[in-house]
Amino acid sequence: MEAEGSNTGHRTQQQRSASTRETVTDATISCLVTDGYAGTTLAAVTAAAGVSRGALTHQFSTKQEMVFAAVDDMAARHERELQRIAVDLPGGDGRVGAVLSVLWAIFETDLYYATLELWAAARTDAELRVPLLTVERETGRRQRGVLADAFGPLIAGHANFAVALDVTFNLMRGMALTGILRDDTARQRQLINEWTSVFEHMTSDPAQNPQEATK
């Protein structure tokens, strides 16, 4: 028999709060994609999330705070998913291609297009641009750490790894942006395959790899 006052079968306040935040995150990202930054208001997200205004403002007092938190939370979800998938990715010659394929899949999600809406709005809004830069730097730092773990120490420890990763991000951003206007999945896959070969070449020279030099 359960003791009187047991919470068994009932969610705690912390669990309810986390669930509400996740729902709001999904609604915020969806609003950014469909309505842009201007249309992503507290009222719009409240309606889309199906939560009360009080539940929303209890966690976020301003639109900017809500939007930045949503982007950060969604990025963290993708990071955890990449960490989970990386455990089962192949080693050796197939590792780079496997990691790049997983990374490209993230660029095909709503997170990229929501972020794109923020970047576009920040171009002419200094009050948005300054804090957005801080958020982007932090999420970028985390993403690079997760990717370094996914690629493994031999690749991540290479002198060319940072440059290869920079080019990867810029390539995928451009490909995803182009995909807004035209659907060219075959061409995108070809570009990923070609870049995989270049990435592997850039990070395979033992003379430029401190990890190899110490053996």
Foldseek 3Di string as FASTA:
>chain_A
DDDPPDCVPHDDPVVVLVVLLLLLLVLQLVCCLPPFLVRSALVSSCVSSVHDSCSSCVVPVGSLRSLLVSLLVVLVVLLVVLLVVLVPFDDDLRQLLVSLVSVLVVLQDSSVSSVVSLVVVCVPPVVSVVVVVVSVVVSVVSNLVSSDVSSDQLQSQFPCNVVLVVVSVVVSSVVSVVVVVPPDPVVVVVVSVVSSVVSCVRRPPLVRGPVNVVD
